[in-house]
Amino acid sequence: MPSKDEMNTLSQILNKFSAKGYDHEFRWTPEGFAFNDKTYQPEDLTIVKTYRFEGESNPSDMSILYLIKANDSLIGYSLDAYGVYSNHDDEEGYDNFIRQIPLKDNEEQLLFEL
């Protein structure tokens, strides 16, 4: 376990998610976030928490992990590498979609699209 001054790694956070049953990955599709056979729209979801990871020596370690709760009580995550290492076929669609998901206890949203 990291000390108070150490950063958590992506794998440590994903392991904690798994232990709590939050290991459902919301996958980006042009229709919205999908898990199994269900597709969710931004109004069906809430971002509970975000985690940003930045590698000290490797820019490919730059990623954001979103802990997301659906209105049907499913809790899972979406992982996004950012910068030139982003891995979504439709990056503008993903970015615009994630900006529309309300943040827990924060109703303010970005009012622009890419």
C-alpha atoms as a PDB file:
ATOM      1  CA  MET A   1       0.000   0.000   0.000  1.00  0.00           C
ATOM      2  CA  PRO A   2       1.415   3.419  -0.903  1.00  0.00           C
ATOM      3  CA  SER A   3       2.426   5.716   1.910  1.00  0.00           C
ATOM      4  CA  LYS A   4       0.614   9.007   2.449  1.00  0.00           C
ATOM      5  CA  ASP A   5       3.030  10.843   0.133  1.00  0.00           C
ATOM      6  CA  GLU A   6       3.026   8.263  -2.692  1.00  0.00           C
ATOM      7  CA  MET A   7       0.705   8.273  -5.683  1.00  0.00           C
ATOM      8  CA  ASN A   8      -1.594   5.326  -6.314  1.00  0.00           C
ATOM      9  CA  THR A   9      -1.056   3.529  -9.587  1.00  0.00           C
ATOM     10  CA  LEU A  10      -3.751   2.753 -12.122  1.00  0.00           C
ATOM     11  CA  SER A  11      -3.514  -0.960 -11.371  1.00  0.00           C
ATOM     12  CA  GLN A  12      -3.916  -0.334  -7.621  1.00  0.00           C
ATOM     13  CA  ILE A  13      -7.099   1.676  -8.195  1.00  0.00           C
ATOM     14  CA  LEU A  14      -8.495  -0.911 -10.634  1.00  0.00           C
ATOM     15  CA  ASN A  15      -7.789  -3.631  -8.049  1.00  0.00           C
ATOM     16  CA  LYS A  16      -9.705  -1.627  -5.420  1.00  0.00           C
ATOM     17  CA  PHE A  17     -12.596  -1.221  -7.880  1.00  0.00           C
ATOM     18  CA  SER A  18     -12.612  -4.953  -8.523  1.00  0.00           C
ATOM     19  CA  ALA A  19     -12.635  -5.751  -4.809  1.00  0.00           C
ATOM     20  CA  LYS A  20     -15.710  -3.514  -4.400  1.00  0.00           C
ATOM     21  CA  GLY A  21     -17.460  -4.973  -7.439  1.00  0.00           C
ATOM     22  CA  TYR A  22     -16.927  -1.859  -9.563  1.00  0.00           C
ATOM     23  CA  ASP A  23     -15.083  -3.737 -12.302  1.00  0.00           C
ATOM     24  CA  HIS A  24     -17.657  -3.108 -15.047  1.00  0.00           C
ATOM     25  CA  GLU A  25     -16.039  -1.217 -17.918  1.00  0.00           C
ATOM     26  CA  PHE A  26     -18.233   1.252 -19.770  1.00  0.00           C
ATOM     27  CA  ARG A  27     -17.067   1.053 -23.398  1.00  0.00           C
ATOM     28  CA  TRP A  28     -17.460   3.972 -25.808  1.00  0.00           C
ATOM     29  CA  THR A  29     -19.629   3.399 -28.889  1.00  0.00           C
ATOM     30  CA  PRO A  30     -21.117   6.016 -31.227  1.00  0.00           C
ATOM     31  CA  GLU A  31     -24.467   5.299 -29.517  1.00  0.00           C
ATOM     32  CA  GLY A  32     -23.142   5.994 -25.995  1.00  0.00           C
ATOM     33  CA  PHE A  33     -21.426   4.085 -23.193  1.00  0.00           C
ATOM     34  CA  ALA A  34     -22.141   0.377 -23.392  1.00  0.00           C
ATOM     35  CA  PHE A  35     -21.921  -2.414 -20.868  1.00  0.00           C
ATOM     36  CA  ASN A  36     -23.029  -5.887 -21.921  1.00  0.00           C
ATOM     37  CA  ASP A  37     -26.119  -5.372 -24.084  1.00  0.00           C
ATOM     38  CA  LYS A  38     -27.176  -2.031 -22.584  1.00  0.00           C
ATOM     39  CA  THR A  39     -26.253   1.428 -23.854  1.00  0.00           C
ATOM     40  CA  TYR A  40     -26.295   4.477 -21.577  1.00  0.00           C
ATOM     41  CA  GLN A  41     -26.705   8.148 -22.409  1.00  0.00           C
ATOM     42  CA  PRO A  42     -25.106  10.974 -20.357  1.00  0.00           C
ATOM     43  CA  GLU A  43     -28.355  11.602 -18.476  1.00  0.00           C
ATOM     44  CA  ASP A  44     -28.316   7.935 -17.355  1.00  0.00           C
ATOM     45  CA  LEU A  45     -24.894   8.319 -15.699  1.00  0.00           C
ATOM     46  CA  THR A  46     -23.088  10.244 -12.965  1.00  0.00           C
ATOM     47  CA  ILE A  47     -19.330  10.625 -12.617  1.00  0.00           C
ATOM     48  CA  VAL A  48     -18.645   9.775  -8.981  1.00  0.00           C
ATOM     49  CA  LYS A  49     -14.896  10.367  -9.009  1.00  0.00           C
ATOM     50  CA  THR A  50     -12.014  10.919 -11.402  1.00  0.00           C
ATOM     51  CA  TYR A  51      -8.411   9.779 -11.089  1.00  0.00           C
ATOM     52  CA  ARG A  52      -5.627  11.273 -13.182  1.00  0.00           C
ATOM     53  CA  PHE A  53      -2.399   9.397 -13.743  1.00  0.00           C
ATOM     54  CA  GLU A  54       0.778  10.911 -15.164  1.00  0.00           C
ATOM     55  CA  GLY A  55       3.901   8.855 -15.668  1.00  0.00           C
ATOM     56  CA  GLU A  56       7.076  10.510 -14.411  1.00  0.00           C
ATOM     57  CA  SER A  57       9.190   9.401 -17.343  1.00  0.00           C
ATOM     58  CA  ASN A  58       6.772   7.937 -19.888  1.00  0.00           C
ATOM     59  CA  PRO A  59       4.152  10.161 -21.541  1.00  0.00           C
ATOM     60  CA  SER A  60       2.171   7.063 -22.554  1.00  0.00           C
ATOM     61  CA  ASP A  61       1.251   6.640 -18.869  1.00  0.00           C
ATOM     62  CA  MET A  62      -1.055   9.666 -19.034  1.00  0.00           C
ATOM     63  CA  SER A  63      -4.634   8.554 -18.386  1.00  0.00           C
ATOM     64  CA  ILE A  64      -7.882   9.440 -16.644  1.00  0.00           C
ATOM     65  CA  LEU A  65     -10.046   6.889 -14.882  1.00  0.00           C
ATOM     66  CA  TYR A  66     -13.696   7.798 -14.316  1.00  0.00           C
ATOM     67  CA  LEU A  67     -15.741   6.000 -11.646  1.00  0.00           C
ATOM     68  CA  ILE A  68     -19.291   6.091 -13.005  1.00  0.00           C
ATOM     69  CA  LYS A  69     -22.678   5.168 -11.558  1.00  0.00           C
ATOM     70  CA  ALA A  70     -25.641   4.423 -13.837  1.00  0.00           C
ATOM     71  CA  ASN A  71     -29.247   5.197 -12.948  1.00  0.00           C
ATOM     72  CA  ASP A  72     -29.891   1.417 -12.714  1.00  0.00           C
ATOM     73  CA  SER A  73     -27.277   1.246  -9.867  1.00  0.00           C
ATOM     74  CA  LEU A  74     -24.524  -0.308 -11.997  1.00  0.00           C
ATOM     75  CA  ILE A  75     -21.155   1.104 -10.922  1.00  0.00           C
ATOM     76  CA  GLY A  76     -18.200   0.841 -13.245  1.00  0.00           C
ATOM     77  CA  TYR A  77     -15.489   2.822 -14.915  1.00  0.00           C
ATOM     78  CA  SER A  78     -14.219   4.299 -18.139  1.00  0.00           C
ATOM     79  CA  LEU A  79     -10.514   4.622 -18.796  1.00  0.00           C
ATOM     80  CA  ASP A  80      -9.188   7.263 -21.174  1.00  0.00           C
ATOM     81  CA  ALA A  81      -5.586   7.747 -22.163  1.00  0.00           C
ATOM     82  CA  TYR A  82      -5.203  11.406 -22.990  1.00  0.00           C
ATOM     83  CA  GLY A  83      -3.065  13.367 -25.347  1.00  0.00           C
ATOM     84  CA  VAL A  84      -1.631  11.640 -28.401  1.00  0.00           C
ATOM     85  CA  TYR A  85      -2.083   8.262 -26.697  1.00  0.00           C
ATOM     86  CA  SER A  86      -5.874   8.375 -26.562  1.00  0.00           C
ATOM     87  CA  ASN A  87      -7.322   5.093 -27.772  1.00  0.00           C
ATOM     88  CA  HIS A  88     -10.845   5.961 -28.914  1.00  0.00           C
ATOM     89  CA  ASP A  89     -11.680   5.678 -32.607  1.00  0.00           C
ATOM     90  CA  ASP A  90     -13.972   8.700 -32.291  1.00  0.00           C
ATOM     91  CA  GLU A  91     -12.104  10.839 -29.765  1.00  0.00           C
ATOM     92  CA  GLU A  92     -14.247  13.930 -30.285  1.00  0.00           C
ATOM     93  CA  GLY A  93     -17.376  11.840 -29.704  1.00  0.00           C
ATOM     94  CA  TYR A  94     -15.960  10.340 -26.494  1.00  0.00           C
ATOM     95  CA  ASP A  95     -14.764  13.701 -25.185  1.00  0.00           C
ATOM     96  CA  ASN A  96     -18.077  15.394 -25.909  1.00  0.00           C
ATOM     97  CA  PHE A  97     -20.004  12.497 -24.353  1.00  0.00           C
ATOM     98  CA  ILE A  98     -17.969  12.428 -21.130  1.00  0.00           C
ATOM     99  CA  ARG A  99     -18.374  16.212 -20.725  1.00  0.00           C
ATOM    100  CA  GLN A 100     -22.152  15.782 -20.729  1.00  0.00           C
ATOM    101  CA  ILE A 101     -22.187  13.326 -17.833  1.00  0.00           C
ATOM    102  CA  PRO A 102     -23.035  15.174 -14.617  1.00  0.00           C
ATOM    103  CA  LEU A 103     -20.501  15.139 -11.818  1.00  0.00           C
ATOM    104  CA  LYS A 104     -21.650  14.014  -8.389  1.00  0.00           C
ATOM    105  CA  ASP A 105     -22.472  17.079  -6.273  1.00  0.00           C
ATOM    106  CA  ASN A 106     -21.481  19.370  -9.141  1.00  0.00           C
ATOM    107  CA  GLU A 107     -24.108  20.479 -11.630  1.00  0.00           C
ATOM    108  CA  GLU A 108     -21.768  22.711 -13.636  1.00  0.00           C
ATOM    109  CA  GLN A 109     -20.806  21.301 -17.022  1.00  0.00           C
ATOM    110  CA  LEU A 110     -18.509  22.459 -19.780  1.00  0.00           C
ATOM    111  CA  LEU A 111     -20.656  24.307 -22.273  1.00  0.00           C
ATOM    112  CA  PHE A 112     -18.662  23.633 -25.410  1.00  0.00           C
ATOM    113  CA  GLU A 113     -17.917  20.791 -27.751  1.00  0.00           C
ATOM    114  CA  LEU A 114     -14.775  19.894 -29.668  1.00  0.00           C
END
